[in-house]
């Protein structure tokens, strides 16, 4: 008989340094990604980085001051958050 175990990846605490986003998981592991993976956190103040809430029973973290969300699964398997694309400026039409 085969038994399949599933382990949820849940965050119990998080810290943001000048270089990394570090998540402490409920199973005792610690995972981290470079701070630049989240351009919003990279541009945030230390106070904004420190103001977070664990969401979804530990499935992710939300920073309300900068409207950023990061999931534990995204940190393990994901990719960096893309910056919004700037729209090209439309040419200025001058009536003549």
Protein backbone atom coordinates (compact mmCIF):
# COMPACT_ATOMS: atom_id res chain seq x y z
CA UNK A 1 0.00 0.00 0.00
CA UNK A 2 1.34 3.42 -0.97
CA UNK A 3 0.75 6.37 1.27
CA UNK A 4 1.01 9.86 -0.09
CA UNK A 5 1.82 12.54 2.41
CA UNK A 6 1.13 16.13 1.63
CA UNK A 7 2.71 18.94 3.56
CA UNK A 8 1.24 22.35 3.30
CA UNK A 9 3.78 25.10 2.94
CA UNK A 10 2.71 27.61 5.59
CA UNK A 11 4.41 30.77 6.80
CA UNK A 12 4.49 31.52 10.53
CA UNK A 13 6.68 34.65 10.34
CA UNK A 14 8.47 36.80 7.79
CA UNK A 15 11.25 39.34 7.80
CA UNK A 16 12.51 41.68 5.13
CA UNK A 17 16.13 42.79 5.09
CA UNK A 18 17.92 45.09 2.68
CA UNK A 19 18.78 42.02 0.57
CA UNK A 20 16.15 39.32 1.21
CA UNK A 21 12.58 38.34 1.96
CA UNK A 22 12.82 35.55 4.53
CA UNK A 23 9.89 33.31 5.45
CA UNK A 24 9.95 31.07 8.51
CA UNK A 25 7.67 28.10 7.86
CA UNK A 26 5.54 26.16 10.32
CA UNK A 27 7.50 22.96 9.61
CA UNK A 28 10.75 24.57 10.80
CA UNK A 29 12.23 25.42 7.41
CA UNK A 30 13.34 28.89 6.41
CA UNK A 31 13.15 30.02 2.79
CA UNK A 32 14.29 33.26 1.25
CA UNK A 33 14.29 35.09 -2.05
CA UNK A 34 16.15 38.22 -3.12
CA UNK A 35 14.43 41.45 -2.13
CA UNK A 36 14.40 42.55 -5.78
CA UNK A 37 11.86 39.77 -6.47
CA UNK A 38 9.32 42.24 -5.11
CA UNK A 39 9.89 45.67 -6.56
CA UNK A 40 7.23 47.05 -4.20
CA UNK A 41 9.08 45.78 -1.13
CA UNK A 42 12.41 46.87 -2.59
CA UNK A 43 11.08 50.43 -2.90
CA UNK A 44 9.23 50.41 0.45
CA UNK A 45 10.38 52.08 3.63
CA UNK A 46 11.52 49.94 6.58
CA UNK A 47 8.26 50.83 8.34
CA UNK A 48 6.19 49.65 5.35
CA UNK A 49 8.20 46.43 5.15
CA UNK A 50 7.61 45.76 8.85
CA UNK A 51 3.83 46.21 8.55
CA UNK A 52 2.60 42.85 7.28
CA UNK A 53 -0.04 40.28 8.05
CA UNK A 54 0.03 36.52 7.55
CA UNK A 55 -2.94 35.58 5.35
CA UNK A 56 -4.75 32.35 4.49
CA UNK A 57 -3.67 30.54 7.68
CA UNK A 58 -0.06 31.00 6.59
CA UNK A 59 -0.37 30.51 2.84
CA UNK A 60 0.98 33.99 2.23
CA UNK A 61 1.87 37.44 3.49
CA UNK A 62 0.20 40.77 2.76
CA UNK A 63 1.79 44.22 3.14
CA UNK A 64 -1.21 46.60 3.26
CA UNK A 65 0.78 49.85 2.99
CA UNK A 66 2.13 48.89 -0.43
CA UNK A 67 -0.58 46.40 -1.52
CA UNK A 68 1.85 43.51 -1.96
CA UNK A 69 1.11 39.81 -1.52
CA UNK A 70 3.60 36.95 -1.58
CA UNK A 71 2.76 33.28 -1.12
CA UNK A 72 4.97 30.60 0.40
CA UNK A 73 4.47 28.50 -2.71
CA UNK A 74 5.43 31.44 -4.90
CA UNK A 75 8.65 31.87 -2.95
CA UNK A 76 9.50 28.21 -3.46
CA UNK A 77 8.42 27.74 -7.06
CA UNK A 78 7.60 31.14 -8.49
CA UNK A 79 9.34 33.93 -10.23
CA UNK A 80 9.92 37.59 -9.43
CA UNK A 81 7.00 40.00 -9.54
CA UNK A 82 7.01 41.89 -12.84
CA UNK A 83 6.93 45.65 -12.82
CA UNK A 84 3.90 47.19 -14.50
CA UNK A 85 4.55 47.97 -18.12
CA UNK A 86 4.55 51.62 -19.00
CA UNK A 87 2.32 52.63 -21.83
CA UNK A 88 4.06 54.38 -24.69
CA UNK A 89 3.26 58.06 -24.78
CA UNK A 90 0.86 59.02 -27.49
CA UNK A 91 2.09 61.69 -29.86
CA UNK A 92 0.91 65.18 -29.09
CA UNK A 93 -1.42 66.40 -31.79
CA UNK A 94 -1.37 70.11 -32.42
CA UNK A 95 -4.35 71.59 -34.15
CA UNK A 96 -3.41 74.06 -36.76
